[in-house]
Amino acid sequence: MNELSGLGADLLGTFAVAIGAAALLYALGHAAKRAGRPLPRWVLPVGIGLSMIGYATWNEYSWASRVKDQLPDRVEVIAEGQVQSPLRPWTYLVAPTLRLALIDPAALREADAEGAQIVPVTLVQRWKRSVTVEQGINCTTGETRPPGADWQQAASTDPAFAAICAGG
């Protein structure tokens, strides 16, 4: 990999925010001291800690929208996966989106069965490598073929089937 990605980029960003906050708070403390009103000693570490928590929270909750903003117009988001964790109890109130399923209708191709199409579904997950799986869809018969399986009746909750067959 040539570019920094994943958890390493998140940590680097968090440390960069901490250094920036430290520099700003140090300058503010120095100016306040010269003005004869020194800041309490706890302001610097608390300010750095709050800036790191704030950046990490913003980064986690805005990840999905930043990824979607980078997608070409033709690509559709067919499903989003939110994650709740007991290690982060606030996620039970508002769960962040950490997974996306994408399709490109322009990438559809004909399958072996009559009226069937192969749909490449790209699965994107935070901190993991993206994966593309090919799912067969037959709008005429109402069937799908998951990767490595036989044709079966489409589930009513299948987002790929709903996205492709909505017009047909």
N, C-alpha and C. Protein backbone atom coordinates (compact mmCIF):
# COMPACT_ATOMS: atom_id res chain seq x y z
N MET A 1 0.83 -1.18 0.00
CA MET A 1 0.00 0.00 0.00
C MET A 1 0.87 1.24 0.00
N ASN A 2 0.54 2.16 -0.84
CA ASN A 2 1.35 3.37 -0.94
C ASN A 2 0.85 4.49 -0.06
N GLU A 3 -0.40 4.49 0.30
CA GLU A 3 -0.91 5.58 1.11
C GLU A 3 -1.34 5.09 2.48
N LEU A 4 -1.26 5.99 3.43
CA LEU A 4 -1.64 5.67 4.79
C LEU A 4 -3.15 5.55 4.87
N SER A 5 -3.63 4.47 5.44
CA SER A 5 -5.07 4.30 5.52
C SER A 5 -5.42 3.57 6.80
N GLY A 6 -6.70 3.52 7.08
CA GLY A 6 -7.19 2.74 8.20
C GLY A 6 -6.88 3.34 9.55
N LEU A 7 -6.62 2.46 10.47
CA LEU A 7 -6.41 2.86 11.85
C LEU A 7 -5.19 3.77 12.00
N GLY A 8 -4.14 3.51 11.22
CA GLY A 8 -2.94 4.35 11.29
C GLY A 8 -3.23 5.80 10.95
N ALA A 9 -4.04 6.02 9.93
CA ALA A 9 -4.41 7.38 9.54
C ALA A 9 -5.24 8.05 10.63
N ASP A 10 -6.12 7.28 11.26
CA ASP A 10 -6.93 7.84 12.35
C ASP A 10 -6.05 8.25 13.52
N LEU A 11 -5.09 7.41 13.88
CA LEU A 11 -4.19 7.75 14.98
C LEU A 11 -3.32 8.95 14.64
N LEU A 12 -2.81 8.99 13.41
CA LEU A 12 -2.00 10.13 12.99
C LEU A 12 -2.81 11.41 13.03
N GLY A 13 -4.05 11.36 12.56
CA GLY A 13 -4.91 12.54 12.61
C GLY A 13 -5.19 12.99 14.03
N THR A 14 -5.43 12.03 14.92
CA THR A 14 -5.69 12.36 16.32
C THR A 14 -4.47 13.02 16.97
N PHE A 15 -3.29 12.49 16.69
CA PHE A 15 -2.07 13.09 17.25
C PHE A 15 -1.81 14.47 16.65
N ALA A 16 -2.10 14.65 15.38
CA ALA A 16 -1.93 15.98 14.77
C ALA A 16 -2.85 17.00 15.42
N VAL A 17 -4.09 16.61 15.68
CA VAL A 17 -5.03 17.51 16.37
C VAL A 17 -4.52 17.81 17.77
N ALA A 18 -3.97 16.82 18.46
CA ALA A 18 -3.45 17.03 19.81
C ALA A 18 -2.28 18.02 19.79
N ILE A 19 -1.40 17.88 18.83
CA ILE A 19 -0.26 18.80 18.74
C ILE A 19 -0.74 20.22 18.43
N GLY A 20 -1.70 20.33 17.52
CA GLY A 20 -2.25 21.65 17.21
C GLY A 20 -2.94 22.28 18.41
N ALA A 21 -3.70 21.50 19.14
CA ALA A 21 -4.37 22.01 20.34
C ALA A 21 -3.35 22.42 21.39
N ALA A 22 -2.30 21.61 21.54
CA ALA A 22 -1.25 21.94 22.51
C ALA A 22 -0.58 23.26 22.17
N ALA A 23 -0.27 23.44 20.88
CA ALA A 23 0.38 24.69 20.46
C ALA A 23 -0.54 25.89 20.70
N LEU A 24 -1.79 25.75 20.36
CA LEU A 24 -2.76 26.83 20.55
C LEU A 24 -2.95 27.15 22.04
N LEU A 25 -3.12 26.12 22.84
CA LEU A 25 -3.32 26.35 24.27
C LEU A 25 -2.06 26.88 24.95
N TYR A 26 -0.89 26.45 24.48
CA TYR A 26 0.35 26.97 25.04
C TYR A 26 0.49 28.45 24.74
N ALA A 27 0.18 28.82 23.49
CA ALA A 27 0.24 30.24 23.11
C ALA A 27 -0.78 31.06 23.90
N LEU A 28 -1.97 30.52 24.07
CA LEU A 28 -3.01 31.20 24.85
C LEU A 28 -2.58 31.35 26.30
N GLY A 29 -2.00 30.30 26.87
CA GLY A 29 -1.51 30.36 28.24
C GLY A 29 -0.39 31.37 28.41
N HIS A 30 0.51 31.42 27.43
CA HIS A 30 1.61 32.38 27.47
C HIS A 30 1.07 33.81 27.40
N ALA A 31 0.12 34.04 26.51
CA ALA A 31 -0.47 35.38 26.38
C ALA A 31 -1.22 35.76 27.66
N ALA A 32 -1.93 34.82 28.25
CA ALA A 32 -2.66 35.10 29.48
C ALA A 32 -1.70 35.40 30.63
N LYS A 33 -0.57 34.70 30.68
CA LYS A 33 0.43 34.93 31.72
C LYS A 33 1.04 36.33 31.58
N ARG A 34 1.31 36.74 30.34
CA ARG A 34 1.87 38.07 30.09
C ARG A 34 0.87 39.17 30.42
N ALA A 35 -0.41 38.83 30.31
CA ALA A 35 -1.46 39.80 30.63
C ALA A 35 -1.73 39.85 32.14
N GLY A 36 -1.04 39.01 32.89
CA GLY A 36 -1.20 39.02 34.34
C GLY A 36 -2.33 38.13 34.83
N ARG A 37 -2.91 37.31 33.96
CA ARG A 37 -4.00 36.40 34.35
C ARG A 37 -3.66 34.99 33.89
N PRO A 38 -2.74 34.32 34.55
CA PRO A 38 -2.31 32.99 34.11
C PRO A 38 -3.47 31.98 34.16
N LEU A 39 -3.46 31.07 33.21
CA LEU A 39 -4.46 30.01 33.16
C LEU A 39 -4.10 28.94 34.18
N PRO A 40 -5.11 28.24 34.71
CA PRO A 40 -4.81 27.12 35.61
C PRO A 40 -3.97 26.05 34.89
N ARG A 41 -3.19 25.31 35.63
CA ARG A 41 -2.27 24.34 35.03
C ARG A 41 -3.01 23.19 34.34
N TRP A 42 -4.22 22.90 34.75
CA TRP A 42 -4.97 21.78 34.18
C TRP A 42 -5.54 22.08 32.80
N VAL A 43 -5.55 23.34 32.38
CA VAL A 43 -6.17 23.70 31.10
C VAL A 43 -5.47 23.02 29.91
N LEU A 44 -4.15 22.97 29.93
CA LEU A 44 -3.41 22.38 28.81
C LEU A 44 -3.72 20.89 28.63
N PRO A 45 -3.56 20.03 29.64
CA PRO A 45 -3.86 18.61 29.41
C PRO A 45 -5.34 18.33 29.14
N VAL A 46 -6.22 19.04 29.82
CA VAL A 46 -7.66 18.83 29.59
C VAL A 46 -8.04 19.28 28.18
N GLY A 47 -7.51 20.41 27.75
CA GLY A 47 -7.79 20.90 26.39
C GLY A 47 -7.29 19.95 25.32
N ILE A 48 -6.10 19.40 25.52
CA ILE A 48 -5.54 18.44 24.56
C ILE A 48 -6.41 17.18 24.53
N GLY A 49 -6.77 16.69 25.70
CA GLY A 49 -7.60 15.48 25.77
C GLY A 49 -8.96 15.69 25.12
N LEU A 50 -9.61 16.81 25.39
CA LEU A 50 -10.91 17.09 24.79
C LEU A 50 -10.83 17.25 23.28
N SER A 51 -9.74 17.84 22.80
CA SER A 51 -9.59 17.98 21.35
C SER A 51 -9.41 16.61 20.69
N MET A 52 -8.69 15.71 21.34
CA MET A 52 -8.50 14.37 20.79
C MET A 52 -9.82 13.60 20.79
N ILE A 53 -10.57 13.67 21.87
CA ILE A 53 -11.87 12.99 21.94
C ILE A 53 -12.82 13.57 20.90
N GLY A 54 -12.85 14.88 20.78
CA GLY A 54 -13.71 15.53 19.80
C GLY A 54 -13.39 15.12 18.38
N TYR A 55 -12.09 15.10 18.04
CA TYR A 55 -11.70 14.70 16.68
C TYR A 55 -12.04 13.23 16.42
N ALA A 56 -11.75 12.36 17.38
CA ALA A 56 -12.02 10.93 17.19
C ALA A 56 -13.52 10.68 17.01
N THR A 57 -14.34 11.39 17.76
CA THR A 57 -15.79 11.23 17.64
C THR A 57 -16.27 11.74 16.29
N TRP A 58 -15.82 12.92 15.88
CA TRP A 58 -16.19 13.46 14.58
C TRP A 58 -15.75 12.50 13.47
N ASN A 59 -14.55 11.99 13.56
CA ASN A 59 -14.00 11.10 12.53
C ASN A 59 -14.82 9.81 12.42
N GLU A 60 -15.24 9.28 13.55
CA GLU A 60 -16.01 8.03 13.54
C GLU A 60 -17.42 8.24 12.97
N TYR A 61 -18.07 9.30 13.40
CA TYR A 61 -19.46 9.52 12.99
C TYR A 61 -19.58 10.13 11.59
N SER A 62 -18.53 10.71 11.05
CA SER A 62 -18.62 11.30 9.71
C SER A 62 -17.99 10.41 8.63
N TRP A 63 -17.46 9.26 9.01
CA TRP A 63 -16.77 8.39 8.04
C TRP A 63 -17.66 8.03 6.86
N ALA A 64 -18.86 7.56 7.12
CA ALA A 64 -19.74 7.09 6.04
C ALA A 64 -20.10 8.23 5.09
N SER A 65 -20.42 9.39 5.61
CA SER A 65 -20.79 10.49 4.72
C SER A 65 -19.59 10.96 3.90
N ARG A 66 -18.39 10.92 4.46
CA ARG A 66 -17.21 11.30 3.69
C ARG A 66 -16.93 10.29 2.58
N VAL A 67 -17.14 9.00 2.85
CA VAL A 67 -16.96 7.98 1.81
C VAL A 67 -17.99 8.17 0.71
N LYS A 68 -19.26 8.39 1.09
CA LYS A 68 -20.33 8.56 0.10
C LYS A 68 -20.10 9.80 -0.76
N ASP A 69 -19.54 10.85 -0.18
CA ASP A 69 -19.26 12.07 -0.95
C ASP A 69 -18.19 11.83 -2.03
N GLN A 70 -17.32 10.85 -1.83
CA GLN A 70 -16.26 10.56 -2.78
C GLN A 70 -16.69 9.61 -3.90
N LEU A 71 -17.87 9.02 -3.79
CA LEU A 71 -18.33 8.06 -4.79
C LEU A 71 -18.79 8.76 -6.05
N PRO A 72 -18.62 8.12 -7.21
CA PRO A 72 -19.18 8.67 -8.44
C PRO A 72 -20.71 8.70 -8.36
N ASP A 73 -21.33 9.57 -9.12
CA ASP A 73 -22.79 9.73 -9.07
C ASP A 73 -23.53 8.45 -9.44
N ARG A 74 -22.95 7.62 -10.29
CA ARG A 74 -23.65 6.42 -10.76
C ARG A 74 -23.70 5.31 -9.71
N VAL A 75 -22.85 5.36 -8.71
CA VAL A 75 -22.79 4.32 -7.68
C VAL A 75 -23.88 4.57 -6.63
N GLU A 76 -24.60 3.51 -6.29
CA GLU A 76 -25.68 3.59 -5.31
C GLU A 76 -25.29 2.88 -4.02
N VAL A 77 -25.64 3.49 -2.90
CA VAL A 77 -25.47 2.83 -1.60
C VAL A 77 -26.76 2.05 -1.36
N ILE A 78 -26.65 0.72 -1.30
CA ILE A 78 -27.87 -0.09 -1.13
C ILE A 78 -28.09 -0.53 0.32
N ALA A 79 -27.05 -0.46 1.14
CA ALA A 79 -27.22 -0.84 2.55
C ALA A 79 -26.13 -0.17 3.39
N GLU A 80 -26.49 0.14 4.62
CA GLU A 80 -25.54 0.69 5.58
C GLU A 80 -25.61 -0.16 6.84
N GLY A 81 -24.47 -0.37 7.46
CA GLY A 81 -24.43 -1.15 8.69
C GLY A 81 -23.95 -0.31 9.85
N GLN A 82 -24.79 -0.19 10.87
CA GLN A 82 -24.40 0.51 12.08
C GLN A 82 -23.90 -0.50 13.10
N VAL A 83 -23.02 -0.04 13.97
CA VAL A 83 -22.42 -0.92 14.96
C VAL A 83 -22.64 -0.34 16.35
N GLN A 84 -23.13 -1.19 17.25
CA GLN A 84 -23.27 -0.83 18.65
C GLN A 84 -22.30 -1.68 19.45
N SER A 85 -21.71 -1.08 20.47
CA SER A 85 -20.71 -1.80 21.25
C SER A 85 -20.84 -1.48 22.73
N PRO A 86 -20.77 -2.49 23.59
CA PRO A 86 -20.79 -2.21 25.03
C PRO A 86 -19.55 -1.45 25.50
N LEU A 87 -18.47 -1.51 24.72
CA LEU A 87 -17.28 -0.75 25.08
C LEU A 87 -17.45 0.74 24.79
N ARG A 88 -18.43 1.07 23.97
CA ARG A 88 -18.77 2.46 23.65
C ARG A 88 -20.28 2.62 23.85
N PRO A 89 -20.73 2.79 25.10
CA PRO A 89 -22.16 2.77 25.39
C PRO A 89 -22.98 3.84 24.65
N TRP A 90 -22.36 4.95 24.27
CA TRP A 90 -23.09 5.99 23.53
C TRP A 90 -23.56 5.51 22.16
N THR A 91 -22.98 4.43 21.65
CA THR A 91 -23.42 3.91 20.35
C THR A 91 -24.81 3.29 20.42
N TYR A 92 -25.31 3.01 21.61
CA TYR A 92 -26.68 2.52 21.75
C TYR A 92 -27.69 3.65 21.55
N LEU A 93 -27.26 4.88 21.77
CA LEU A 93 -28.12 6.04 21.52
C LEU A 93 -28.08 6.42 20.04
N VAL A 94 -26.88 6.59 19.51
CA VAL A 94 -26.69 6.91 18.09
C VAL A 94 -25.54 6.05 17.58
N ALA A 95 -25.87 5.03 16.81
CA ALA A 95 -24.85 4.11 16.32
C ALA A 95 -24.19 4.68 15.06
N PRO A 96 -22.85 4.67 15.00
CA PRO A 96 -22.17 5.15 13.79
C PRO A 96 -22.25 4.10 12.68
N THR A 97 -22.25 4.57 11.44
CA THR A 97 -22.23 3.69 10.28
C THR A 97 -20.79 3.29 10.00
N LEU A 98 -20.52 1.98 10.01
CA LEU A 98 -19.16 1.50 9.78
C LEU A 98 -19.06 0.57 8.58
N ARG A 99 -20.20 0.29 7.91
CA ARG A 99 -20.19 -0.58 6.74
C ARG A 99 -21.13 -0.02 5.68
N LEU A 100 -20.74 -0.18 4.42
CA LEU A 100 -21.57 0.23 3.29
C LEU A 100 -21.55 -0.87 2.23
N ALA A 101 -22.69 -1.08 1.58
CA ALA A 101 -22.77 -1.97 0.42
C ALA A 101 -23.13 -1.10 -0.77
N LEU A 102 -22.33 -1.20 -1.84
CA LEU A 102 -22.47 -0.33 -3.01
C LEU A 102 -22.66 -1.15 -4.27
N ILE A 103 -23.45 -0.61 -5.20
CA ILE A 103 -23.54 -1.21 -6.54
C ILE A 103 -23.39 -0.11 -7.58
N ASP A 104 -22.88 -0.52 -8.73
CA ASP A 104 -22.75 0.36 -9.89
C ASP A 104 -23.63 -0.24 -10.98
N PRO A 105 -24.82 0.34 -11.23
CA PRO A 105 -25.71 -0.21 -12.25
C PRO A 105 -25.06 -0.33 -13.63
N ALA A 106 -24.06 0.48 -13.90
CA ALA A 106 -23.38 0.42 -15.19
C ALA A 106 -22.52 -0.84 -15.32
N ALA A 107 -22.23 -1.50 -14.20
CA ALA A 107 -21.38 -2.69 -14.21
C ALA A 107 -22.18 -3.98 -14.31
N LEU A 108 -23.51 -3.90 -14.45
CA LEU A 108 -24.34 -5.11 -14.60
C LEU A 108 -23.96 -5.84 -15.88
N ARG A 109 -24.03 -7.16 -15.82
CA ARG A 109 -23.81 -7.94 -17.04
C ARG A 109 -24.75 -9.14 -17.05
N GLU A 110 -24.98 -9.68 -18.22
CA GLU A 110 -25.91 -10.80 -18.38
C GLU A 110 -25.33 -12.06 -17.75
N ALA A 111 -26.21 -12.87 -17.16
CA ALA A 111 -25.81 -14.14 -16.56
C ALA A 111 -26.22 -15.29 -17.47
N ASP A 112 -25.97 -16.51 -17.03
CA ASP A 112 -26.26 -17.69 -17.84
C ASP A 112 -27.76 -17.98 -17.95
N ALA A 113 -28.54 -17.66 -16.96
CA ALA A 113 -29.99 -17.91 -17.00
C ALA A 113 -30.69 -16.79 -17.77
N GLU A 114 -31.81 -17.13 -18.39
CA GLU A 114 -32.54 -16.14 -19.18
C GLU A 114 -33.11 -15.04 -18.29
N GLY A 115 -32.82 -13.80 -18.63
CA GLY A 115 -33.30 -12.65 -17.87
C GLY A 115 -32.50 -12.35 -16.62
N ALA A 116 -31.46 -13.13 -16.35
CA ALA A 116 -30.67 -12.94 -15.14
C ALA A 116 -29.50 -12.01 -15.41
N GLN A 117 -29.07 -11.34 -14.36
CA GLN A 117 -27.94 -10.42 -14.45
C GLN A 117 -26.98 -10.69 -13.29
N ILE A 118 -25.74 -10.36 -13.52
CA ILE A 118 -24.72 -10.44 -12.46
C ILE A 118 -24.47 -9.01 -11.98
N VAL A 119 -24.59 -8.83 -10.66
CA VAL A 119 -24.41 -7.51 -10.06
C VAL A 119 -23.17 -7.55 -9.16
N PRO A 120 -22.13 -6.76 -9.49
CA PRO A 120 -21.00 -6.66 -8.56
C PRO A 120 -21.39 -5.77 -7.37
N VAL A 121 -21.34 -6.33 -6.17
CA VAL A 121 -21.66 -5.60 -4.95
C VAL A 121 -20.35 -5.35 -4.21
N THR A 122 -20.03 -4.09 -3.98
CA THR A 122 -18.80 -3.73 -3.27
C THR A 122 -19.14 -3.50 -1.80
N LEU A 123 -18.43 -4.22 -0.94
CA LEU A 123 -18.63 -4.11 0.50
C LEU A 123 -17.47 -3.30 1.09
N VAL A 124 -17.80 -2.17 1.68
CA VAL A 124 -16.79 -1.27 2.24
C VAL A 124 -17.00 -1.24 3.75
N GLN A 125 -15.92 -1.49 4.49
CA GLN A 125 -15.99 -1.45 5.94
C GLN A 125 -14.83 -0.63 6.47
N ARG A 126 -15.10 0.14 7.49
CA ARG A 126 -14.07 1.00 8.06
C ARG A 126 -12.93 0.15 8.61
N TRP A 127 -11.71 0.57 8.33
CA TRP A 127 -10.47 -0.08 8.77
C TRP A 127 -10.23 -1.43 8.12
N LYS A 128 -10.99 -1.79 7.10
CA LYS A 128 -10.76 -3.06 6.41
C LYS A 128 -10.70 -2.82 4.91
N ARG A 129 -10.12 -3.76 4.22
CA ARG A 129 -10.01 -3.70 2.77
C ARG A 129 -11.38 -3.95 2.14
N SER A 130 -11.73 -3.18 1.12
CA SER A 130 -13.01 -3.36 0.42
C SER A 130 -13.01 -4.66 -0.36
N VAL A 131 -14.19 -5.28 -0.46
CA VAL A 131 -14.35 -6.55 -1.15
C VAL A 131 -15.50 -6.40 -2.14
N THR A 132 -15.34 -6.99 -3.33
CA THR A 132 -16.43 -7.01 -4.30
C THR A 132 -16.87 -8.45 -4.51
N VAL A 133 -18.17 -8.69 -4.34
CA VAL A 133 -18.76 -10.01 -4.57
C VAL A 133 -19.78 -9.88 -5.69
N GLU A 134 -19.94 -10.96 -6.44
CA GLU A 134 -20.89 -10.93 -7.55
C GLU A 134 -22.14 -11.70 -7.16
N GLN A 135 -23.28 -11.03 -7.27
CA GLN A 135 -24.56 -11.64 -6.92
C GLN A 135 -25.42 -11.71 -8.18
N GLY A 136 -26.00 -12.88 -8.41
CA GLY A 136 -26.91 -13.04 -9.53
C GLY A 136 -28.30 -12.58 -9.15
N ILE A 137 -28.96 -11.90 -10.08
CA ILE A 137 -30.31 -11.41 -9.84
C ILE A 137 -31.16 -11.67 -11.07
N ASN A 138 -32.35 -12.23 -10.87
CA ASN A 138 -33.29 -12.45 -11.97
C ASN A 138 -34.60 -11.78 -11.57
N CYS A 139 -34.84 -10.60 -12.13
CA CYS A 139 -36.05 -9.84 -11.78
C CYS A 139 -37.31 -10.53 -12.30
N THR A 140 -37.20 -11.29 -13.39
CA THR A 140 -38.36 -11.95 -13.98
C THR A 140 -38.89 -13.05 -13.07
N THR A 141 -38.00 -13.87 -12.54
CA THR A 141 -38.42 -15.00 -11.70
C THR A 141 -38.40 -14.66 -10.21
N GLY A 142 -37.82 -13.52 -9.84
CA GLY A 142 -37.74 -13.14 -8.42
C GLY A 142 -36.72 -13.94 -7.66
N GLU A 143 -35.63 -14.32 -8.33
CA GLU A 143 -34.61 -15.15 -7.69
C GLU A 143 -33.28 -14.41 -7.61
N THR A 144 -32.46 -14.83 -6.66
CA THR A 144 -31.10 -14.34 -6.53
C THR A 144 -30.16 -15.54 -6.43
N ARG A 145 -28.91 -15.29 -6.75
CA ARG A 145 -27.88 -16.31 -6.59
C ARG A 145 -26.73 -15.68 -5.82
N PRO A 146 -26.66 -15.93 -4.52
CA PRO A 146 -25.54 -15.41 -3.73
C PRO A 146 -24.23 -16.03 -4.22
N PRO A 147 -23.10 -15.41 -3.94
CA PRO A 147 -21.82 -15.96 -4.37
C PRO A 147 -21.62 -17.39 -3.88
N GLY A 148 -21.32 -18.29 -4.79
CA GLY A 148 -21.04 -19.68 -4.44
C GLY A 148 -22.25 -20.51 -4.09
N ALA A 149 -23.45 -20.06 -4.46
CA ALA A 149 -24.66 -20.81 -4.12
C ALA A 149 -25.53 -20.96 -5.37
N ASP A 150 -26.64 -21.70 -5.23
CA ASP A 150 -27.58 -21.90 -6.33
C ASP A 150 -28.64 -20.81 -6.30
N TRP A 151 -29.42 -20.76 -7.40
CA TRP A 151 -30.52 -19.80 -7.48
C TRP A 151 -31.54 -20.12 -6.41
N GLN A 152 -32.06 -19.08 -5.75
CA GLN A 152 -33.06 -19.24 -4.72
C GLN A 152 -34.01 -18.04 -4.75
N GLN A 153 -35.17 -18.21 -4.14
CA GLN A 153 -36.14 -17.12 -4.10
C GLN A 153 -35.52 -15.93 -3.37
N ALA A 154 -35.69 -14.73 -3.93
CA ALA A 154 -35.11 -13.53 -3.32
C ALA A 154 -35.81 -13.20 -2.02
N ALA A 155 -35.03 -12.85 -1.02
CA ALA A 155 -35.60 -12.41 0.25
C ALA A 155 -36.20 -11.02 0.08
N SER A 156 -37.25 -10.75 0.79
CA SER A 156 -37.90 -9.44 0.67
C SER A 156 -36.99 -8.32 1.17
N THR A 157 -35.98 -8.68 1.95
CA THR A 157 -35.06 -7.66 2.49
C THR A 157 -33.75 -7.56 1.73
N ASP A 158 -33.62 -8.25 0.59
CA ASP A 158 -32.38 -8.23 -0.19
C ASP A 158 -32.22 -6.86 -0.83
N PRO A 159 -31.24 -6.05 -0.38
CA PRO A 159 -31.11 -4.69 -0.91
C PRO A 159 -30.64 -4.65 -2.37
N ALA A 160 -29.81 -5.60 -2.78
CA ALA A 160 -29.35 -5.62 -4.18
C ALA A 160 -30.50 -5.94 -5.12
N PHE A 161 -31.32 -6.89 -4.74
CA PHE A 161 -32.48 -7.27 -5.57
C PHE A 161 -33.43 -6.08 -5.67
N ALA A 162 -33.70 -5.43 -4.55
CA ALA A 162 -34.61 -4.28 -4.54
C ALA A 162 -34.06 -3.14 -5.39
N ALA A 163 -32.77 -2.89 -5.33
CA ALA A 163 -32.18 -1.78 -6.09
C ALA A 163 -32.21 -2.04 -7.60
N ILE A 164 -31.93 -3.28 -8.01
CA ILE A 164 -31.87 -3.59 -9.44
C ILE A 164 -33.26 -3.76 -10.02
N CYS A 165 -34.16 -4.40 -9.29
CA CYS A 165 -35.47 -4.75 -9.81
C CYS A 165 -36.54 -3.69 -9.49
N ALA A 166 -36.19 -2.59 -8.92
CA ALA A 166 -37.19 -1.58 -8.56
C ALA A 166 -37.94 -1.07 -9.79
N GLY A 167 -37.26 -0.95 -10.90
CA GLY A 167 -37.91 -0.46 -12.13
C GLY A 167 -38.45 -1.58 -12.97
N GLY A 168 -38.14 -2.81 -12.69
CA GLY A 168 -38.59 -3.92 -13.54
C GLY A 168 -39.16 -4.98 -12.75
